[in-house]
Amino acid sequence: TAIEQLEASLRRLKTDHLDLWQIHEVAWDDDPEKHFM
């Protein structure tokens, strides 16, 4: 899912690379565990 979002972002932003890609909004108690699964 994350990679699919990256590809969509690259298309929308009209570029072949990003300078920085970040995980958005670590705001829920289970987020760290899920992001590192």
PDB file of all heavy atoms in Angstrom:
ATOM      1  N   THR A   1       0.835  -1.211   0.000  1.00  0.00           N
ATOM      2  CA  THR A   1       0.000   0.000   0.000  1.00  0.00           C
ATOM      3  C   THR A   1       0.865   1.254   0.000  1.00  0.00           C
ATOM      4  O   THR A   1       0.594   2.208  -0.734  1.00  0.00           O
ATOM      5  CB  THR A   1      -0.923   0.008   1.234  1.00  0.00           C
ATOM      6  OG1 THR A   1      -1.764  -1.140   1.205  1.00  0.00           O
ATOM      7  CG2 THR A   1      -1.782   1.261   1.269  1.00  0.00           C
ATOM      8  N   ALA A   2       1.910   1.247   0.808  1.00  0.00           N
ATOM      9  CA  ALA A   2       2.802   2.404   0.874  1.00  0.00           C
ATOM     10  C   ALA A   2       3.469   2.658  -0.472  1.00  0.00           C
ATOM     11  O   ALA A   2       3.542   3.817  -0.934  1.00  0.00           O
ATOM     12  CB  ALA A   2       3.845   2.189   1.959  1.00  0.00           C
ATOM     13  N   ILE A   3       3.955   1.620  -1.123  1.00  0.00           N
ATOM     14  CA  ILE A   3       4.617   1.788  -2.422  1.00  0.00           C
ATOM     15  C   ILE A   3       3.630   2.282  -3.475  1.00  0.00           C
ATOM     16  O   ILE A   3       3.972   3.123  -4.329  1.00  0.00           O
ATOM     17  CB  ILE A   3       5.278   0.469  -2.865  1.00  0.00           C
ATOM     18  CG1 ILE A   3       6.448   0.114  -1.928  1.00  0.00           C
ATOM     19  CG2 ILE A   3       5.748   0.561  -4.301  1.00  0.00           C
ATOM     20  CD1 ILE A   3       7.591   1.105  -1.937  1.00  0.00           C
ATOM     21  N   GLU A   4       2.408   1.778  -3.435  1.00  0.00           N
ATOM     22  CA  GLU A   4       1.381   2.263  -4.370  1.00  0.00           C
ATOM     23  C   GLU A   4       1.133   3.758  -4.160  1.00  0.00           C
ATOM     24  O   GLU A   4       0.960   4.511  -5.124  1.00  0.00           O
ATOM     25  CB  GLU A   4       0.086   1.477  -4.174  1.00  0.00           C
ATOM     26  CG  GLU A   4       0.152   0.047  -4.703  1.00  0.00           C
ATOM     27  CD  GLU A   4      -1.101  -0.753  -4.382  1.00  0.00           C
ATOM     28  OE1 GLU A   4      -1.945  -0.259  -3.595  1.00  0.00           O
ATOM     29  OE2 GLU A   4      -1.234  -1.888  -4.902  1.00  0.00           O
ATOM     30  N   GLN A   5       1.119   4.179  -2.918  1.00  0.00           N
ATOM     31  CA  GLN A   5       0.946   5.604  -2.636  1.00  0.00           C
ATOM     32  C   GLN A   5       2.132   6.416  -3.145  1.00  0.00           C
ATOM     33  O   GLN A   5       1.971   7.520  -3.682  1.00  0.00           O
ATOM     34  CB  GLN A   5       0.747   5.820  -1.138  1.00  0.00           C
ATOM     35  CG  GLN A   5      -0.584   5.296  -0.623  1.00  0.00           C
ATOM     36  CD  GLN A   5      -0.782   5.567   0.854  1.00  0.00           C
ATOM     37  OE1 GLN A   5       0.104   6.069   1.545  1.00  0.00           O
ATOM     38  NE2 GLN A   5      -1.958   5.239   1.355  1.00  0.00           N
ATOM     39  N   LEU A   6       3.324   5.874  -2.984  1.00  0.00           N
ATOM     40  CA  LEU A   6       4.514   6.564  -3.495  1.00  0.00           C
ATOM     41  C   LEU A   6       4.418   6.766  -4.997  1.00  0.00           C
ATOM     42  O   LEU A   6       4.686   7.866  -5.510  1.00  0.00           O
ATOM     43  CB  LEU A   6       5.770   5.767  -3.146  1.00  0.00           C
ATOM     44  CG  LEU A   6       7.080   6.289  -3.763  1.00  0.00           C
ATOM     45  CD1 LEU A   6       7.384   7.700  -3.301  1.00  0.00           C
ATOM     46  CD2 LEU A   6       8.235   5.339  -3.416  1.00  0.00           C
ATOM     47  N   GLU A   7       4.045   5.728  -5.728  1.00  0.00           N
ATOM     48  CA  GLU A   7       3.939   5.840  -7.178  1.00  0.00           C
ATOM     49  C   GLU A   7       2.892   6.876  -7.572  1.00  0.00           C
ATOM     50  O   GLU A   7       3.083   7.645  -8.523  1.00  0.00           O
ATOM     51  CB  GLU A   7       3.613   4.480  -7.796  1.00  0.00           C
ATOM     52  CG  GLU A   7       4.700   3.418  -7.604  1.00  0.00           C
ATOM     53  CD  GLU A   7       6.016   3.797  -8.259  1.00  0.00           C
ATOM     54  OE1 GLU A   7       6.033   4.637  -9.180  1.00  0.00           O
ATOM     55  OE2 GLU A   7       7.056   3.239  -7.845  1.00  0.00           O
ATOM     56  N   ALA A   8       1.776   6.907  -6.833  1.00  0.00           N
ATOM     57  CA  ALA A   8       0.744   7.907  -7.108  1.00  0.00           C
ATOM     58  C   ALA A   8       1.278   9.309  -6.843  1.00  0.00           C
ATOM     59  O   ALA A   8       1.031  10.247  -7.614  1.00  0.00           O
ATOM     60  CB  ALA A   8      -0.491   7.636  -6.256  1.00  0.00           C
ATOM     61  N   SER A   9       2.024   9.471  -5.750  1.00  0.00           N
ATOM     62  CA  SER A   9       2.593  10.783  -5.419  1.00  0.00           C
ATOM     63  C   SER A   9       3.567  11.252  -6.486  1.00  0.00           C
ATOM     64  O   SER A   9       3.568  12.425  -6.882  1.00  0.00           O
ATOM     65  CB  SER A   9       3.290  10.730  -4.057  1.00  0.00           C
ATOM     66  OG  SER A   9       2.364  10.563  -3.008  1.00  0.00           O
ATOM     67  N   LEU A  10       4.410  10.340  -6.970  1.00  0.00           N
ATOM     68  CA  LEU A  10       5.374  10.704  -8.015  1.00  0.00           C
ATOM     69  C   LEU A  10       4.658  11.170  -9.281  1.00  0.00           C
ATOM     70  O   LEU A  10       5.072  12.138  -9.927  1.00  0.00           O
ATOM     71  CB  LEU A  10       6.285   9.523  -8.317  1.00  0.00           C
ATOM     72  CG  LEU A  10       7.269   9.117  -7.209  1.00  0.00           C
ATOM     73  CD1 LEU A  10       7.981   7.818  -7.574  1.00  0.00           C
ATOM     74  CD2 LEU A  10       8.273  10.218  -6.939  1.00  0.00           C
ATOM     75  N   ARG A  11       3.558  10.484  -9.638  1.00  0.00           N
ATOM     76  CA  ARG A  11       2.806  10.884 -10.830  1.00  0.00           C
ATOM     77  C   ARG A  11       2.182  12.260 -10.629  1.00  0.00           C
ATOM     78  O   ARG A  11       2.265  13.126 -11.519  1.00  0.00           O
ATOM     79  CB  ARG A  11       1.710   9.859 -11.138  1.00  0.00           C
ATOM     80  CG  ARG A  11       2.219   8.533 -11.680  1.00  0.00           C
ATOM     81  CD  ARG A  11       1.077   7.693 -12.248  1.00  0.00           C
ATOM     82  NE  ARG A  11       0.071   7.361 -11.238  1.00  0.00           N
ATOM     83  CZ  ARG A  11       0.121   6.284 -10.453  1.00  0.00           C
ATOM     84  NH1 ARG A  11       1.157   5.451 -10.545  1.00  0.00           N
ATOM     85  NH2 ARG A  11      -0.836   6.044  -9.591  1.00  0.00           N
ATOM     86  N   ARG A  12       1.569  12.458  -9.504  1.00  0.00           N
ATOM     87  CA  ARG A  12       0.914  13.746  -9.246  1.00  0.00           C
ATOM     88  C   ARG A  12       1.924  14.887  -9.207  1.00  0.00           C
ATOM     89  O   ARG A  12       1.658  15.983  -9.721  1.00  0.00           O
ATOM     90  CB  ARG A  12       0.176  13.704  -7.903  1.00  0.00           C
ATOM     91  CG  ARG A  12      -1.014  12.759  -7.831  1.00  0.00           C
ATOM     92  CD  ARG A  12      -1.436  12.648  -6.380  1.00  0.00           C
ATOM     93  NE  ARG A  12      -2.551  11.740  -6.165  1.00  0.00           N
ATOM     94  CZ  ARG A  12      -2.935  11.319  -4.967  1.00  0.00           C
ATOM     95  NH1 ARG A  12      -2.273  11.710  -3.882  1.00  0.00           N
ATOM     96  NH2 ARG A  12      -3.973  10.511  -4.842  1.00  0.00           N
ATOM     97  N   LEU A  13       3.077  14.631  -8.606  1.00  0.00           N
ATOM     98  CA  LEU A  13       4.089  15.671  -8.454  1.00  0.00           C
ATOM     99  C   LEU A  13       4.971  15.826  -9.694  1.00  0.00           C
ATOM    100  O   LEU A  13       5.874  16.671  -9.715  1.00  0.00           O
ATOM    101  CB  LEU A  13       4.956  15.367  -7.227  1.00  0.00           C
ATOM    102  CG  LEU A  13       4.226  15.525  -5.879  1.00  0.00           C
ATOM    103  CD1 LEU A  13       5.010  14.840  -4.761  1.00  0.00           C
ATOM    104  CD2 LEU A  13       3.981  16.986  -5.554  1.00  0.00           C
ATOM    105  N   LYS A  14       4.714  15.001 -10.713  1.00  0.00           N
ATOM    106  CA  LYS A  14       5.418  15.100 -11.999  1.00  0.00           C
ATOM    107  C   LYS A  14       6.944  14.999 -11.822  1.00  0.00           C
ATOM    108  O   LYS A  14       7.711  15.815 -12.360  1.00  0.00           O
ATOM    109  CB  LYS A  14       5.052  16.398 -12.726  1.00  0.00           C
ATOM    110  CG  LYS A  14       3.594  16.464 -13.164  1.00  0.00           C
ATOM    111  CD  LYS A  14       3.301  17.778 -13.886  1.00  0.00           C
ATOM    112  CE  LYS A  14       1.937  17.771 -14.545  1.00  0.00           C
ATOM    113  NZ  LYS A  14       0.815  17.590 -13.599  1.00  0.00           N
ATOM    114  N   THR A  15       7.365  13.976 -11.078  1.00  0.00           N
ATOM    115  CA  THR A  15       8.798  13.787 -10.849  1.00  0.00           C
ATOM    116  C   THR A  15       9.113  12.299 -10.796  1.00  0.00           C
ATOM    117  O   THR A  15       8.207  11.476 -10.602  1.00  0.00           O
ATOM    118  CB  THR A  15       9.230  14.467  -9.532  1.00  0.00           C
ATOM    119  OG1 THR A  15      10.645  14.378  -9.385  1.00  0.00           O
ATOM    120  CG2 THR A  15       8.559  13.816  -8.328  1.00  0.00           C
ATOM    121  N   ASP A  16      10.387  11.945 -10.984  1.00  0.00           N
ATOM    122  CA  ASP A  16      10.768  10.536 -10.910  1.00  0.00           C
ATOM    123  C   ASP A  16      11.387  10.180  -9.556  1.00  0.00           C
ATOM    124  O   ASP A  16      11.763   9.032  -9.318  1.00  0.00           O
ATOM    125  CB  ASP A  16      11.727  10.164 -12.041  1.00  0.00           C
ATOM    126  CG  ASP A  16      13.088  10.846 -11.918  1.00  0.00           C
ATOM    127  OD1 ASP A  16      13.235  11.760 -11.073  1.00  0.00           O
ATOM    128  OD2 ASP A  16      14.005  10.468 -12.672  1.00  0.00           O
ATOM    129  N   HIS A  17      11.507  11.177  -8.667  1.00  0.00           N
ATOM    130  CA  HIS A  17      12.045  10.894  -7.339  1.00  0.00           C
ATOM    131  C   HIS A  17      11.627  11.984  -6.358  1.00  0.00           C
ATOM    132  O   HIS A  17      11.299  13.113  -6.752  1.00  0.00           O
ATOM    133  CB  HIS A  17      13.573  10.801  -7.368  1.00  0.00           C
ATOM    134  CG  HIS A  17      14.246  12.135  -7.492  1.00  0.00           C
ATOM    135  ND1 HIS A  17      14.371  12.808  -8.696  1.00  0.00           N
ATOM    136  CD2 HIS A  17      14.807  12.941  -6.552  1.00  0.00           C
ATOM    137  CE1 HIS A  17      14.988  13.960  -8.493  1.00  0.00           C
ATOM    138  NE2 HIS A  17      15.267  14.063  -7.201  1.00  0.00           N
ATOM    139  N   LEU A  18      11.634  11.634  -5.104  1.00  0.00           N
ATOM    140  CA  LEU A  18      11.415  12.595  -4.025  1.00  0.00           C
ATOM    141  C   LEU A  18      12.740  12.851  -3.318  1.00  0.00           C
ATOM    142  O   LEU A  18      13.592  11.963  -3.245  1.00  0.00           O
ATOM    143  CB  LEU A  18      10.425  12.043  -2.997  1.00  0.00           C
ATOM    144  CG  LEU A  18       9.015  11.708  -3.463  1.00  0.00           C
ATOM    145  CD1 LEU A  18       8.250  11.033  -2.324  1.00  0.00           C
ATOM    146  CD2 LEU A  18       8.279  12.958  -3.938  1.00  0.00           C
ATOM    147  N   ASP A  19      12.888  14.038  -2.780  1.00  0.00           N
ATOM    148  CA  ASP A  19      14.047  14.302  -1.930  1.00  0.00           C
ATOM    149  C   ASP A  19      13.824  13.724  -0.537  1.00  0.00           C
ATOM    150  O   ASP A  19      14.785  13.301   0.120  1.00  0.00           O
ATOM    151  CB  ASP A  19      14.316  15.804  -1.860  1.00  0.00           C
ATOM    152  CG  ASP A  19      14.728  16.353  -3.208  1.00  0.00           C
ATOM    153  OD1 ASP A  19      15.807  15.966  -3.692  1.00  0.00           O
ATOM    154  OD2 ASP A  19      13.958  17.126  -3.801  1.00  0.00           O
ATOM    155  N   LEU A  20      12.577  13.692  -0.096  1.00  0.00           N
ATOM    156  CA  LEU A  20      12.264  13.143   1.227  1.00  0.00           C
ATOM    157  C   LEU A  20      10.876  12.519   1.199  1.00  0.00           C
ATOM    158  O   LEU A  20       9.919  13.122   0.707  1.00  0.00           O
ATOM    159  CB  LEU A  20      12.320  14.260   2.283  1.00  0.00           C
ATOM    160  CG  LEU A  20      11.880  13.914   3.703  1.00  0.00           C
ATOM    161  CD1 LEU A  20      12.744  12.812   4.299  1.00  0.00           C
ATOM    162  CD2 LEU A  20      11.924  15.163   4.583  1.00  0.00           C
ATOM    163  N   TRP A  21      10.798  11.294   1.724  1.00  0.00           N
ATOM    164  CA  TRP A  21       9.511  10.594   1.871  1.00  0.00           C
ATOM    165  C   TRP A  21       9.354  10.213   3.330  1.00  0.00           C
ATOM    166  O   TRP A  21      10.244   9.584   3.912  1.00  0.00           O
ATOM    167  CB  TRP A  21       9.498   9.343   0.993  1.00  0.00           C
ATOM    168  CG  TRP A  21       8.149   8.695   0.835  1.00  0.00           C
ATOM    169  CD1 TRP A  21       6.935   9.312   0.722  1.00  0.00           C
ATOM    170  CD2 TRP A  21       7.894   7.282   0.714  1.00  0.00           C
ATOM    171  NE1 TRP A  21       5.940   8.384   0.550  1.00  0.00           N
ATOM    172  CE2 TRP A  21       6.500   7.130   0.544  1.00  0.00           C
ATOM    173  CE3 TRP A  21       8.699   6.142   0.738  1.00  0.00           C
ATOM    174  CZ2 TRP A  21       5.897   5.880   0.400  1.00  0.00           C
ATOM    175  CZ3 TRP A  21       8.114   4.899   0.591  1.00  0.00           C
ATOM    176  CH2 TRP A  21       6.723   4.770   0.419  1.00  0.00           C
ATOM    177  N   GLN A  22       8.245  10.611   3.937  1.00  0.00           N
ATOM    178  CA  GLN A  22       8.042  10.380   5.357  1.00  0.00           C
ATOM    179  C   GLN A  22       6.754   9.596   5.627  1.00  0.00           C
ATOM    180  O   GLN A  22       5.770   9.769   4.913  1.00  0.00           O
ATOM    181  CB  GLN A  22       7.974  11.713   6.112  1.00  0.00           C
ATOM    182  CG  GLN A  22       9.240  12.558   5.999  1.00  0.00           C
ATOM    183  CD  GLN A  22       9.255  13.710   6.994  1.00  0.00           C
ATOM    184  OE1 GLN A  22      10.022  13.708   7.939  1.00  0.00           O
ATOM    185  NE2 GLN A  22       8.406  14.697   6.775  1.00  0.00           N
ATOM    186  N   ILE A  23       6.768   8.764   6.658  1.00  0.00           N
ATOM    187  CA  ILE A  23       5.539   8.163   7.160  1.00  0.00           C
ATOM    188  C   ILE A  23       4.730   9.273   7.816  1.00  0.00           C
ATOM    189  O   ILE A  23       5.241  10.002   8.662  1.00  0.00           O
ATOM    190  CB  ILE A  23       5.842   7.048   8.177  1.00  0.00           C
ATOM    191  CG1 ILE A  23       6.570   5.890   7.502  1.00  0.00           C
ATOM    192  CG2 ILE A  23       4.558   6.567   8.841  1.00  0.00           C
ATOM    193  CD1 ILE A  23       7.076   4.840   8.476  1.00  0.00           C
ATOM    194  N   HIS A  24       3.484   9.374   7.426  1.00  0.00           N
ATOM    195  CA  HIS A  24       2.642  10.472   7.893  1.00  0.00           C
ATOM    196  C   HIS A  24       1.919  10.133   9.192  1.00  0.00           C
ATOM    197  O   HIS A  24       1.420   9.030   9.373  1.00  0.00           O
ATOM    198  CB  HIS A  24       1.605  10.793   6.808  1.00  0.00           C
ATOM    199  CG  HIS A  24       0.832  12.045   7.051  1.00  0.00           C
ATOM    200  ND1 HIS A  24      -0.475  12.204   6.660  1.00  0.00           N
ATOM    201  CD2 HIS A  24       1.178  13.212   7.641  1.00  0.00           C
ATOM    202  CE1 HIS A  24      -0.895  13.417   6.979  1.00  0.00           C
ATOM    203  NE2 HIS A  24       0.086  14.040   7.587  1.00  0.00           N
ATOM    204  N   GLU A  25       1.899  11.081  10.099  1.00  0.00           N
ATOM    205  CA  GLU A  25       0.959  11.092  11.219  1.00  0.00           C
ATOM    206  C   GLU A  25       1.033   9.849  12.097  1.00  0.00           C
ATOM    207  O   GLU A  25       0.081   9.065  12.192  1.00  0.00           O
ATOM    208  CB  GLU A  25      -0.467  11.263  10.671  1.00  0.00           C
ATOM    209  CG  GLU A  25      -1.493  11.773  11.649  1.00  0.00           C
ATOM    210  CD  GLU A  25      -2.836  11.974  10.973  1.00  0.00           C
ATOM    211  OE1 GLU A  25      -3.512  10.977  10.679  1.00  0.00           O
ATOM    212  OE2 GLU A  25      -3.207  13.145  10.728  1.00  0.00           O
ATOM    213  N   VAL A  26       2.167   9.656  12.749  1.00  0.00           N
ATOM    214  CA  VAL A  26       2.277   8.610  13.772  1.00  0.00           C
ATOM    215  C   VAL A  26       1.511   9.134  14.988  1.00  0.00           C
ATOM    216  O   VAL A  26       2.046   9.874  15.810  1.00  0.00           O
ATOM    217  CB  VAL A  26       3.745   8.312  14.116  1.00  0.00           C
ATOM    218  CG1 VAL A  26       3.835   7.271  15.226  1.00  0.00           C
ATOM    219  CG2 VAL A  26       4.492   7.838  12.870  1.00  0.00           C
ATOM    220  N   ALA A  27       0.235   8.753  15.071  1.00  0.00           N
ATOM    221  CA  ALA A  27      -0.656   9.375  16.048  1.00  0.00           C
ATOM    222  C   ALA A  27      -1.482   8.389  16.856  1.00  0.00           C
ATOM    223  O   ALA A  27      -2.203   8.789  17.764  1.00  0.00           O
ATOM    224  CB  ALA A  27      -1.601  10.350  15.330  1.00  0.00           C
ATOM    225  N   TRP A  28      -1.390   7.113  16.508  1.00  0.00           N
ATOM    226  CA  TRP A  28      -2.201   6.099  17.173  1.00  0.00           C
ATOM    227  C   TRP A  28      -1.284   5.163  17.950  1.00  0.00           C
ATOM    228  O   TRP A  28      -0.154   4.908  17.556  1.00  0.00           O
ATOM    229  CB  TRP A  28      -3.029   5.324  16.134  1.00  0.00           C
ATOM    230  CG  TRP A  28      -3.822   6.228  15.250  1.00  0.00           C
ATOM    231  CD1 TRP A  28      -3.393   6.867  14.112  1.00  0.00           C
ATOM    232  CD2 TRP A  28      -5.179   6.646  15.439  1.00  0.00           C
ATOM    233  NE1 TRP A  28      -4.394   7.633  13.574  1.00  0.00           N
ATOM    234  CE2 TRP A  28      -5.514   7.516  14.369  1.00  0.00           C
ATOM    235  CE3 TRP A  28      -6.156   6.342  16.388  1.00  0.00           C
ATOM    236  CZ2 TRP A  28      -6.764   8.090  14.238  1.00  0.00           C
ATOM    237  CZ3 TRP A  28      -7.410   6.927  16.260  1.00  0.00           C
ATOM    238  CH2 TRP A  28      -7.706   7.784  15.199  1.00  0.00           C
ATOM    239  N   ASP A  29      -1.788   4.621  19.071  1.00  0.00           N
ATOM    240  CA  ASP A  29      -0.950   3.828  19.962  1.00  0.00           C
ATOM    241  C   ASP A  29      -0.296   2.639  19.276  1.00  0.00           C
ATOM    242  O   ASP A  29       0.813   2.236  19.645  1.00  0.00           O
ATOM    243  CB  ASP A  29      -1.778   3.333  21.157  1.00  0.00           C
ATOM    244  CG  ASP A  29      -2.176   4.464  22.100  1.00  0.00           C
ATOM    245  OD1 ASP A  29      -1.563   5.549  22.001  1.00  0.00           O
ATOM    246  OD2 ASP A  29      -3.090   4.262  22.922  1.00  0.00           O
ATOM    247  N   ASP A  30      -0.968   2.074  18.280  1.00  0.00           N
ATOM    248  CA  ASP A  30      -0.414   0.895  17.600  1.00  0.00           C
ATOM    249  C   ASP A  30       0.406   1.243  16.360  1.00  0.00           C
ATOM    250  O   ASP A  30       0.889   0.347  15.664  1.00  0.00           O
ATOM    251  CB  ASP A  30      -1.529  -0.082  17.224  1.00  0.00           C
ATOM    252  CG  ASP A  30      -2.583   0.542  16.301  1.00  0.00           C
ATOM    253  OD1 ASP A  30      -2.512   1.764  16.036  1.00  0.00           O
ATOM    254  OD2 ASP A  30      -3.479  -0.198  15.854  1.00  0.00           O
ATOM    255  N   ASP A  31       0.577   2.527  16.076  1.00  0.00           N
ATOM    256  CA  ASP A  31       1.298   2.914  14.864  1.00  0.00           C
ATOM    257  C   ASP A  31       2.742   2.415  14.825  1.00  0.00           C
ATOM    258  O   ASP A  31       3.162   1.829  13.810  1.00  0.00           O
ATOM    259  CB  ASP A  31       1.256   4.429  14.678  1.00  0.00           C
ATOM    260  CG  ASP A  31       0.017   4.903  13.947  1.00  0.00           C
ATOM    261  OD1 ASP A  31      -0.700   4.053  13.382  1.00  0.00           O
ATOM    262  OD2 ASP A  31      -0.245   6.122  13.931  1.00  0.00           O
ATOM    263  N   PRO A  32       3.546   2.648  15.872  1.00  0.00           N
ATOM    264  CA  PRO A  32       4.940   2.179  15.767  1.00  0.00           C
ATOM    265  C   PRO A  32       5.043   0.684  15.475  1.00  0.00           C
ATOM    266  O   PRO A  32       5.830   0.266  14.613  1.00  0.00           O
ATOM    267  CB  PRO A  32       5.523   2.524  17.140  1.00  0.00           C
ATOM    268  CG  PRO A  32       4.717   3.706  17.594  1.00  0.00           C
ATOM    269  CD  PRO A  32       3.322   3.423  17.114  1.00  0.00           C
ATOM    270  N   GLU A  33       4.256  -0.112  16.181  1.00  0.00           N
ATOM    271  CA  GLU A  33       4.287  -1.558  15.966  1.00  0.00           C
ATOM    272  C   GLU A  33       3.890  -1.924  14.541  1.00  0.00           C
ATOM    273  O   GLU A  33       4.550  -2.754  13.893  1.00  0.00           O
ATOM    274  CB  GLU A  33       3.331  -2.246  16.946  1.00  0.00           C
ATOM    275  CG  GLU A  33       3.271  -3.759  16.797  1.00  0.00           C
ATOM    276  CD  GLU A  33       2.267  -4.403  17.734  1.00  0.00           C
ATOM    277  OE1 GLU A  33       1.663  -3.679  18.552  1.00  0.00           O
ATOM    278  OE2 GLU A  33       2.074  -5.632  17.638  1.00  0.00           O
ATOM    279  N   LYS A  34       2.861  -1.298  14.015  1.00  0.00           N
ATOM    280  CA  LYS A  34       2.403  -1.619  12.662  1.00  0.00           C
ATOM    281  C   LYS A  34       3.389  -1.144  11.596  1.00  0.00           C
ATOM    282  O   LYS A  34       3.593  -1.807  10.588  1.00  0.00           O
ATOM    283  CB  LYS A  34       1.018  -1.021  12.430  1.00  0.00           C
ATOM    284  CG  LYS A  34      -0.086  -1.751  13.188  1.00  0.00           C
ATOM    285  CD  LYS A  34      -1.452  -1.224  12.811  1.00  0.00           C
ATOM    286  CE  LYS A  34      -2.560  -2.052  13.458  1.00  0.00           C
ATOM    287  NZ  LYS A  34      -3.908  -1.568  13.093  1.00  0.00           N
ATOM    288  N   HIS A  35       3.981   0.018  11.800  1.00  0.00           N
ATOM    289  CA  HIS A  35       4.930   0.518  10.809  1.00  0.00           C
ATOM    290  C   HIS A  35       6.176  -0.358  10.740  1.00  0.00           C
ATOM    291  O   HIS A  35       6.780  -0.493   9.666  1.00  0.00           O
ATOM    292  CB  HIS A  35       5.317   1.964  11.123  1.00  0.00           C
ATOM    293  CG  HIS A  35       4.206   2.949  10.912  1.00  0.00           C
ATOM    294  ND1 HIS A  35       3.358   2.887   9.832  1.00  0.00           N
ATOM    295  CD2 HIS A  35       3.805   4.025  11.648  1.00  0.00           C
ATOM    296  CE1 HIS A  35       2.481   3.879   9.908  1.00  0.00           C
ATOM    297  NE2 HIS A  35       2.730   4.569  11.001  1.00  0.00           N
ATOM    298  N   PHE A  36       6.565  -0.966  11.870  1.00  0.00           N
ATOM    299  CA  PHE A  36       7.762  -1.797  11.906  1.00  0.00           C
ATOM    300  C   PHE A  36       7.476  -3.283  11.741  1.00  0.00           C
ATOM    301  O   PHE A  36       8.384  -4.106  11.833  1.00  0.00           O
ATOM    302  CB  PHE A  36       8.538  -1.559  13.210  1.00  0.00           C
ATOM    303  CG  PHE A  36       9.457  -0.370  13.144  1.00  0.00           C
ATOM    304  CD1 PHE A  36       9.041   0.873  13.602  1.00  0.00           C
ATOM    305  CD2 PHE A  36      10.728  -0.485  12.608  1.00  0.00           C
ATOM    306  CE1 PHE A  36       9.885   1.975  13.546  1.00  0.00           C
ATOM    307  CE2 PHE A  36      11.584   0.607  12.538  1.00  0.00           C
ATOM    308  CZ  PHE A  36      11.157   1.843  13.012  1.00  0.00           C
ATOM    309  N   MET A  37       6.226  -3.639  11.481  1.00  0.00           N
ATOM    310  CA  MET A  37       5.914  -5.057  11.294  1.00  0.00           C
ATOM    311  C   MET A  37       6.530  -5.552   9.981  1.00  0.00           C
ATOM    312  O   MET A  37       6.944  -4.756   9.124  1.00  0.00           O
ATOM    313  CB  MET A  37       4.395  -5.270  11.256  1.00  0.00           C
ATOM    314  CG  MET A  37       3.716  -4.708  10.026  1.00  0.00           C
ATOM    315  SD  MET A  37       1.909  -4.946  10.073  1.00  0.00           S
ATOM    316  CE  MET A  37       1.425  -4.171   8.509  1.00  0.00           C
TER     317      MET A  37
END
